[in-house]
Amino acid sequence: NRQSSRRLQNMGFTPDGSLWVLARGGQLQFS
């Protein structure tokens, strides 16, 4: 499941293997 009410726009991997996610409204988050 997504982590907030904002719809997910795109996702990928960081150099250390974590995830990054871009969501609607200009939000960026790292796992």
PDB file of all heavy atoms in Angstrom:
ATOM      1  N   ASN A   1       0.827  -1.195   0.000  1.00  0.00           N
ATOM      2  CA  ASN A   1       0.000   0.000   0.000  1.00  0.00           C
ATOM      3  C   ASN A   1       0.864   1.249   0.000  1.00  0.00           C
ATOM      4  O   ASN A   1       1.967   1.257   0.544  1.00  0.00           O
ATOM      5  CB  ASN A   1      -0.923   0.022   1.223  1.00  0.00           C
ATOM      6  CG  ASN A   1      -1.992  -1.059   1.168  1.00  0.00           C
ATOM      7  OD1 ASN A   1      -2.525  -1.347   0.100  1.00  0.00           O
ATOM      8  ND2 ASN A   1      -2.287  -1.656   2.313  1.00  0.00           N
ATOM      9  N   ARG A   2       0.356   2.316  -0.592  1.00  0.00           N
ATOM     10  CA  ARG A   2       1.052   3.603  -0.531  1.00  0.00           C
ATOM     11  C   ARG A   2       1.000   4.119   0.898  1.00  0.00           C
ATOM     12  O   ARG A   2       0.156   3.702   1.705  1.00  0.00           O
ATOM     13  CB  ARG A   2       0.421   4.595  -1.500  1.00  0.00           C
ATOM     14  CG  ARG A   2      -1.009   4.957  -1.170  1.00  0.00           C
ATOM     15  CD  ARG A   2      -1.640   5.757  -2.279  1.00  0.00           C
ATOM     16  NE  ARG A   2      -2.995   6.185  -1.925  1.00  0.00           N
ATOM     17  CZ  ARG A   2      -3.890   6.609  -2.794  1.00  0.00           C
ATOM     18  NH1 ARG A   2      -3.586   6.653  -4.078  1.00  0.00           N
ATOM     19  NH2 ARG A   2      -5.090   6.993  -2.396  1.00  0.00           N
ATOM     20  N   GLN A   3       1.897   5.064   1.197  1.00  0.00           N
ATOM     21  CA  GLN A   3       2.066   5.515   2.568  1.00  0.00           C
ATOM     22  C   GLN A   3       1.206   6.720   2.938  1.00  0.00           C
ATOM     23  O   GLN A   3       1.154   7.105   4.095  1.00  0.00           O
ATOM     24  CB  GLN A   3       3.538   5.854   2.813  1.00  0.00           C
ATOM     25  CG  GLN A   3       4.478   4.670   2.644  1.00  0.00           C
ATOM     26  CD  GLN A   3       4.123   3.533   3.572  1.00  0.00           C
ATOM     27  OE1 GLN A   3       4.075   3.692   4.782  1.00  0.00           O
ATOM     28  NE2 GLN A   3       3.862   2.362   2.998  1.00  0.00           N
ATOM     29  N   SER A   4       0.546   7.342   1.971  1.00  0.00           N
ATOM     30  CA  SER A   4      -0.302   8.501   2.256  1.00  0.00           C
ATOM     31  C   SER A   4      -1.459   8.511   1.281  1.00  0.00           C
ATOM     32  O   SER A   4      -1.601   7.621   0.437  1.00  0.00           O
ATOM     33  CB  SER A   4       0.510   9.793   2.139  1.00  0.00           C
ATOM     34  OG  SER A   4       0.791  10.080   0.780  1.00  0.00           O
ATOM     35  N   SER A   5      -2.300   9.545   1.383  1.00  0.00           N
ATOM     36  CA  SER A   5      -3.440   9.670   0.485  1.00  0.00           C
ATOM     37  C   SER A   5      -3.035  10.162  -0.902  1.00  0.00           C
ATOM     38  O   SER A   5      -3.830  10.120  -1.839  1.00  0.00           O
ATOM     39  CB  SER A   5      -4.472  10.634   1.082  1.00  0.00           C
ATOM     40  OG  SER A   5      -3.898  11.920   1.262  1.00  0.00           O
ATOM     41  N   ARG A   6      -1.805  10.623  -1.045  1.00  0.00           N
ATOM     42  CA  ARG A   6      -1.341  11.136  -2.330  1.00  0.00           C
ATOM     43  C   ARG A   6      -1.070   9.982  -3.297  1.00  0.00           C
ATOM     44  O   ARG A   6      -0.421   8.995  -2.931  1.00  0.00           O
ATOM     45  CB  ARG A   6      -0.067  11.966  -2.147  1.00  0.00           C
ATOM     46  CG  ARG A   6      -0.269  13.214  -1.293  1.00  0.00           C
ATOM     47  CD  ARG A   6       1.061  13.871  -1.010  1.00  0.00           C
ATOM     48  NE  ARG A   6       0.917  15.033  -0.149  1.00  0.00           N
ATOM     49  CZ  ARG A   6       0.789  16.279  -0.585  1.00  0.00           C
ATOM     50  NH1 ARG A   6       0.804  16.517  -1.881  1.00  0.00           N
ATOM     51  NH2 ARG A   6       0.647  17.278   0.253  1.00  0.00           N
ATOM     52  N   ARG A   7      -1.523  10.131  -4.523  1.00  0.00           N
ATOM     53  CA  ARG A   7      -1.287   9.092  -5.519  1.00  0.00           C
ATOM     54  C   ARG A   7       0.190   9.075  -5.927  1.00  0.00           C
ATOM     55  O   ARG A   7       0.830  10.113  -6.054  1.00  0.00           O
ATOM     56  CB  ARG A   7      -2.168   9.326  -6.746  1.00  0.00           C
ATOM     57  CG  ARG A   7      -3.645   9.090  -6.467  1.00  0.00           C
ATOM     58  CD  ARG A   7      -4.461   9.089  -7.737  1.00  0.00           C
ATOM     59  NE  ARG A   7      -5.871   8.849  -7.459  1.00  0.00           N
ATOM     60  CZ  ARG A   7      -6.422   7.647  -7.323  1.00  0.00           C
ATOM     61  NH1 ARG A   7      -5.657   6.572  -7.464  1.00  0.00           N
ATOM     62  NH2 ARG A   7      -7.702   7.496  -7.076  1.00  0.00           N
ATOM     63  N   LEU A   8       0.696   7.879  -6.123  1.00  0.00           N
ATOM     64  CA  LEU A   8       2.095   7.707  -6.485  1.00  0.00           C
ATOM     65  C   LEU A   8       2.306   8.083  -7.952  1.00  0.00           C
ATOM     66  O   LEU A   8       1.498   7.754  -8.809  1.00  0.00           O
ATOM     67  CB  LEU A   8       2.525   6.263  -6.247  1.00  0.00           C
ATOM     68  CG  LEU A   8       2.226   5.686  -4.863  1.00  0.00           C
ATOM     69  CD1 LEU A   8       2.711   4.249  -4.771  1.00  0.00           C
ATOM     70  CD2 LEU A   8       2.854   6.540  -3.767  1.00  0.00           C
ATOM     71  N   GLN A   9       3.419   8.754  -8.219  1.00  0.00           N
ATOM     72  CA  GLN A   9       3.741   9.185  -9.571  1.00  0.00           C
ATOM     73  C   GLN A   9       4.837   8.315 -10.194  1.00  0.00           C
ATOM     74  O   GLN A   9       4.746   7.905 -11.335  1.00  0.00           O
ATOM     75  CB  GLN A   9       4.184  10.649  -9.561  1.00  0.00           C
ATOM     76  CG  GLN A   9       4.334  11.282 -10.926  1.00  0.00           C
ATOM     77  CD  GLN A   9       2.996  11.509 -11.594  1.00  0.00           C
ATOM     78  OE1 GLN A   9       2.018  11.890 -10.951  1.00  0.00           O
ATOM     79  NE2 GLN A   9       2.927  11.263 -12.897  1.00  0.00           N
ATOM     80  N   ASN A  10       5.883   8.045  -9.414  1.00  0.00           N
ATOM     81  CA  ASN A  10       7.027   7.284  -9.927  1.00  0.00           C
ATOM     82  C   ASN A  10       7.819   6.750  -8.746  1.00  0.00           C
ATOM     83  O   ASN A  10       7.784   7.328  -7.650  1.00  0.00           O
ATOM     84  CB  ASN A  10       7.901   8.174 -10.810  1.00  0.00           C
ATOM     85  CG  ASN A  10       8.852   7.385 -11.690  1.00  0.00           C
ATOM     86  OD1 ASN A  10       8.882   6.155 -11.663  1.00  0.00           O
ATOM     87  ND2 ASN A  10       9.651   8.085 -12.479  1.00  0.00           N
ATOM     88  N   MET A  11       8.552   5.650  -8.972  1.00  0.00           N
ATOM     89  CA  MET A  11       9.397   5.067  -7.927  1.00  0.00           C
ATOM     90  C   MET A  11      10.672   4.534  -8.551  1.00  0.00           C
ATOM     91  O   MET A  11      10.735   4.229  -9.740  1.00  0.00           O
ATOM     92  CB  MET A  11       8.665   3.938  -7.186  1.00  0.00           C
ATOM     93  CG  MET A  11       7.460   4.389  -6.397  1.00  0.00           C
ATOM     94  SD  MET A  11       6.694   3.049  -5.428  1.00  0.00           S
ATOM     95  CE  MET A  11       7.951   2.778  -4.160  1.00  0.00           C
ATOM     96  N   GLY A  12      11.699   4.403  -7.712  1.00  0.00           N
ATOM     97  CA  GLY A  12      12.967   3.842  -8.153  1.00  0.00           C
ATOM     98  C   GLY A  12      13.820   3.483  -6.956  1.00  0.00           C
ATOM     99  O   GLY A  12      13.361   3.512  -5.809  1.00  0.00           O
ATOM    100  N   PHE A  13      15.083   3.162  -7.227  1.00  0.00           N
ATOM    101  CA  PHE A  13      15.994   2.693  -6.189  1.00  0.00           C
ATOM    102  C   PHE A  13      17.113   3.699  -5.956  1.00  0.00           C
ATOM    103  O   PHE A  13      17.643   4.292  -6.900  1.00  0.00           O
ATOM    104  CB  PHE A  13      16.594   1.341  -6.588  1.00  0.00           C
ATOM    105  CG  PHE A  13      15.580   0.237  -6.687  1.00  0.00           C
ATOM    106  CD1 PHE A  13      14.978  -0.072  -7.902  1.00  0.00           C
ATOM    107  CD2 PHE A  13      15.216  -0.487  -5.564  1.00  0.00           C
ATOM    108  CE1 PHE A  13      14.038  -1.081  -8.005  1.00  0.00           C
ATOM    109  CE2 PHE A  13      14.278  -1.506  -5.647  1.00  0.00           C
ATOM    110  CZ  PHE A  13      13.681  -1.801  -6.868  1.00  0.00           C
ATOM    111  N   THR A  14      17.482   3.875  -4.692  1.00  0.00           N
ATOM    112  CA  THR A  14      18.613   4.721  -4.324  1.00  0.00           C
ATOM    113  C   THR A  14      19.906   3.916  -4.465  1.00  0.00           C
ATOM    114  O   THR A  14      19.869   2.689  -4.602  1.00  0.00           O
ATOM    115  CB  THR A  14      18.480   5.220  -2.881  1.00  0.00           C
ATOM    116  OG1 THR A  14      18.643   4.101  -1.987  1.00  0.00           O
ATOM    117  CG2 THR A  14      17.122   5.861  -2.640  1.00  0.00           C
ATOM    118  N   PRO A  15      21.073   4.570  -4.420  1.00  0.00           N
ATOM    119  CA  PRO A  15      22.333   3.819  -4.534  1.00  0.00           C
ATOM    120  C   PRO A  15      22.523   2.743  -3.471  1.00  0.00           C
ATOM    121  O   PRO A  15      23.221   1.754  -3.706  1.00  0.00           O
ATOM    122  CB  PRO A  15      23.397   4.919  -4.416  1.00  0.00           C
ATOM    123  CG  PRO A  15      22.730   6.141  -4.947  1.00  0.00           C
ATOM    124  CD  PRO A  15      21.309   6.025  -4.476  1.00  0.00           C
ATOM    125  N   ASP A  16      21.899   2.908  -2.280  1.00  0.00           N
ATOM    126  CA  ASP A  16      22.072   1.904  -1.224  1.00  0.00           C
ATOM    127  C   ASP A  16      20.969   0.849  -1.239  1.00  0.00           C
ATOM    128  O   ASP A  16      20.886   0.013  -0.329  1.00  0.00           O
ATOM    129  CB  ASP A  16      22.155   2.574   0.148  1.00  0.00           C
ATOM    130  CG  ASP A  16      20.841   3.220   0.587  1.00  0.00           C
ATOM    131  OD1 ASP A  16      19.862   3.172  -0.195  1.00  0.00           O
ATOM    132  OD2 ASP A  16      20.794   3.776   1.697  1.00  0.00           O
ATOM    133  N   GLY A  17      20.114   0.869  -2.269  1.00  0.00           N
ATOM    134  CA  GLY A  17      19.082  -0.147  -2.389  1.00  0.00           C
ATOM    135  C   GLY A  17      17.755   0.202  -1.752  1.00  0.00           C
ATOM    136  O   GLY A  17      16.809  -0.594  -1.818  1.00  0.00           O
ATOM    137  N   SER A  18      17.638   1.385  -1.135  1.00  0.00           N
ATOM    138  CA  SER A  18      16.353   1.832  -0.618  1.00  0.00           C
ATOM    139  C   SER A  18      15.463   2.264  -1.776  1.00  0.00           C
ATOM    140  O   SER A  18      15.895   2.312  -2.932  1.00  0.00           O
ATOM    141  CB  SER A  18      16.535   3.003   0.360  1.00  0.00           C
ATOM    142  OG  SER A  18      17.384   2.648   1.426  1.00  0.00           O
ATOM    143  N   LEU A  19      14.220   2.598  -1.455  1.00  0.00           N
ATOM    144  CA  LEU A  19      13.286   3.078  -2.457  1.00  0.00           C
ATOM    145  C   LEU A  19      13.114   4.591  -2.349  1.00  0.00           C
ATOM    146  O   LEU A  19      13.173   5.150  -1.255  1.00  0.00           O
ATOM    147  CB  LEU A  19      11.916   2.424  -2.271  1.00  0.00           C
ATOM    148  CG  LEU A  19      11.808   0.936  -2.581  1.00  0.00           C
ATOM    149  CD1 LEU A  19      10.467   0.404  -2.085  1.00  0.00           C
ATOM    150  CD2 LEU A  19      11.938   0.679  -4.084  1.00  0.00           C
ATOM    151  N   TRP A  20      12.896   5.241  -3.474  1.00  0.00           N
ATOM    152  CA  TRP A  20      12.395   6.616  -3.469  1.00  0.00           C
ATOM    153  C   TRP A  20      11.056   6.619  -4.182  1.00  0.00           C
ATOM    154  O   TRP A  20      10.799   5.794  -5.059  1.00  0.00           O
ATOM    155  CB  TRP A  20      13.362   7.599  -4.134  1.00  0.00           C
ATOM    156  CG  TRP A  20      13.725   7.307  -5.563  1.00  0.00           C
ATOM    157  CD1 TRP A  20      14.870   6.719  -6.024  1.00  0.00           C
ATOM    158  CD2 TRP A  20      12.942   7.611  -6.745  1.00  0.00           C
ATOM    159  NE1 TRP A  20      14.851   6.627  -7.401  1.00  0.00           N
ATOM    160  CE2 TRP A  20      13.684   7.164  -7.867  1.00  0.00           C
ATOM    161  CE3 TRP A  20      11.700   8.208  -6.960  1.00  0.00           C
ATOM    162  CZ2 TRP A  20      13.213   7.304  -9.185  1.00  0.00           C
ATOM    163  CZ3 TRP A  20      11.230   8.345  -8.266  1.00  0.00           C
ATOM    164  CH2 TRP A  20      11.992   7.908  -9.354  1.00  0.00           C
ATOM    165  N   VAL A  21      10.190   7.547  -3.776  1.00  0.00           N
ATOM    166  CA  VAL A  21       8.874   7.661  -4.405  1.00  0.00           C
ATOM    167  C   VAL A  21       8.537   9.132  -4.582  1.00  0.00           C
ATOM    168  O   VAL A  21       8.762   9.951  -3.689  1.00  0.00           O
ATOM    169  CB  VAL A  21       7.782   6.946  -3.579  1.00  0.00           C
ATOM    170  CG1 VAL A  21       7.700   7.486  -2.163  1.00  0.00           C
ATOM    171  CG2 VAL A  21       6.428   7.065  -4.271  1.00  0.00           C
ATOM    172  N   LEU A  22       8.028   9.459  -5.762  1.00  0.00           N
ATOM    173  CA  LEU A  22       7.470  10.776  -6.041  1.00  0.00           C
ATOM    174  C   LEU A  22       5.953  10.632  -6.063  1.00  0.00           C
ATOM    175  O   LEU A  22       5.423   9.750  -6.739  1.00  0.00           O
ATOM    176  CB  LEU A  22       7.959  11.306  -7.384  1.00  0.00           C
ATOM    177  CG  LEU A  22       9.454  11.593  -7.500  1.00  0.00           C
ATOM    178  CD1 LEU A  22       9.823  11.937  -8.940  1.00  0.00           C
ATOM    179  CD2 LEU A  22       9.873  12.724  -6.567  1.00  0.00           C
ATOM    180  N   ALA A  23       5.274  11.493  -5.302  1.00  0.00           N
ATOM    181  CA  ALA A  23       3.819  11.453  -5.235  1.00  0.00           C
ATOM    182  C   ALA A  23       3.237  12.783  -5.688  1.00  0.00           C
ATOM    183  O   ALA A  23       3.948  13.786  -5.824  1.00  0.00           O
ATOM    184  CB  ALA A  23       3.368  11.120  -3.813  1.00  0.00           C
ATOM    185  N   ARG A  24       1.942  12.796  -5.924  1.00  0.00           N
ATOM    186  CA  ARG A  24       1.261  14.006  -6.362  1.00  0.00           C
ATOM    187  C   ARG A  24       1.523  15.152  -5.383  1.00  0.00           C
ATOM    188  O   ARG A  24       1.670  14.933  -4.179  1.00  0.00           O
ATOM    189  CB  ARG A  24      -0.242  13.756  -6.481  1.00  0.00           C
ATOM    190  CG  ARG A  24      -0.622  12.728  -7.550  1.00  0.00           C
ATOM    191  CD  ARG A  24      -0.467  13.284  -8.953  1.00  0.00           C
ATOM    192  NE  ARG A  24      -0.809  12.294  -9.968  1.00  0.00           N
ATOM    193  CZ  ARG A  24      -2.032  12.091 -10.422  1.00  0.00           C
ATOM    194  NH1 ARG A  24      -3.050  12.785  -9.933  1.00  0.00           N
ATOM    195  NH2 ARG A  24      -2.256  11.188 -11.364  1.00  0.00           N
ATOM    196  N   GLY A  25       1.527  16.361  -5.911  1.00  0.00           N
ATOM    197  CA  GLY A  25       1.749  17.522  -5.057  1.00  0.00           C
ATOM    198  C   GLY A  25       3.204  17.795  -4.759  1.00  0.00           C
ATOM    199  O   GLY A  25       3.519  18.546  -3.831  1.00  0.00           O
ATOM    200  N   GLY A  26       4.113  17.188  -5.530  1.00  0.00           N
ATOM    201  CA  GLY A  26       5.533  17.475  -5.341  1.00  0.00           C
ATOM    202  C   GLY A  26       6.157  16.826  -4.130  1.00  0.00           C
ATOM    203  O   GLY A  26       7.155  17.325  -3.593  1.00  0.00           O
ATOM    204  N   GLN A  27       5.611  15.704  -3.676  1.00  0.00           N
ATOM    205  CA  GLN A  27       6.141  15.029  -2.489  1.00  0.00           C
ATOM    206  C   GLN A  27       7.186  13.983  -2.866  1.00  0.00           C
ATOM    207  O   GLN A  27       7.013  13.227  -3.813  1.00  0.00           O
ATOM    208  CB  GLN A  27       5.014  14.355  -1.710  1.00  0.00           C
ATOM    209  CG  GLN A  27       5.490  13.583  -0.472  1.00  0.00           C
ATOM    210  CD  GLN A  27       4.349  12.940   0.274  1.00  0.00           C
ATOM    211  OE1 GLN A  27       3.545  13.619   0.905  1.00  0.00           O
ATOM    212  NE2 GLN A  27       4.239  11.616   0.175  1.00  0.00           N
ATOM    213  N   LEU A  28       8.268  13.941  -2.087  1.00  0.00           N
ATOM    214  CA  LEU A  28       9.344  12.964  -2.240  1.00  0.00           C
ATOM    215  C   LEU A  28       9.544  12.250  -0.915  1.00  0.00           C
ATOM    216  O   LEU A  28       9.541  12.871   0.147  1.00  0.00           O
ATOM    217  CB  LEU A  28      10.642  13.672  -2.659  1.00  0.00           C
ATOM    218  CG  LEU A  28      11.942  12.863  -2.607  1.00  0.00           C
ATOM    219  CD1 LEU A  28      11.903  11.689  -3.577  1.00  0.00           C
ATOM    220  CD2 LEU A  28      13.137  13.768  -2.896  1.00  0.00           C
ATOM    221  N   GLN A  29       9.716  10.936  -0.976  1.00  0.00           N
ATOM    222  CA  GLN A  29       9.897  10.162   0.244  1.00  0.00           C
ATOM    223  C   GLN A  29      10.858   9.013  -0.007  1.00  0.00           C
ATOM    224  O   GLN A  29      10.920   8.466  -1.116  1.00  0.00           O
ATOM    225  CB  GLN A  29       8.545   9.633   0.735  1.00  0.00           C
ATOM    226  CG  GLN A  29       8.507   9.258   2.201  1.00  0.00           C
ATOM    227  CD  GLN A  29       7.067   9.038   2.688  1.00  0.00           C
ATOM    228  OE1 GLN A  29       6.115   9.064   1.910  1.00  0.00           O
ATOM    229  NE2 GLN A  29       6.904   8.831   3.988  1.00  0.00           N
ATOM    230  N   PHE A  30      11.615   8.646   1.036  1.00  0.00           N
ATOM    231  CA  PHE A  30      12.583   7.555   0.955  1.00  0.00           C
ATOM    232  C   PHE A  30      12.219   6.478   1.966  1.00  0.00           C
ATOM    233  O   PHE A  30      11.783   6.775   3.085  1.00  0.00           O
ATOM    234  CB  PHE A  30      14.001   8.054   1.246  1.00  0.00           C
ATOM    235  CG  PHE A  30      14.502   9.066   0.261  1.00  0.00           C
ATOM    236  CD1 PHE A  30      14.407  10.422   0.529  1.00  0.00           C
ATOM    237  CD2 PHE A  30      15.072   8.667  -0.940  1.00  0.00           C
ATOM    238  CE1 PHE A  30      14.867  11.365  -0.372  1.00  0.00           C
ATOM    239  CE2 PHE A  30      15.537   9.594  -1.849  1.00  0.00           C
ATOM    240  CZ  PHE A  30      15.428  10.947  -1.562  1.00  0.00           C
ATOM    241  N   SER A  31      12.435   5.220   1.574  1.00  0.00           N
ATOM    242  CA  SER A  31      12.195   4.119   2.501  1.00  0.00           C
ATOM    243  C   SER A  31      13.449   3.836   3.312  1.00  0.00           C
ATOM    244  O   SER A  31      14.551   4.273   2.972  1.00  0.00           O
ATOM    245  CB  SER A  31      11.788   2.854   1.732  1.00  0.00           C
ATOM    246  OG  SER A  31      12.927   2.260   1.105  1.00  0.00           O
TER     247      SER A  31
END
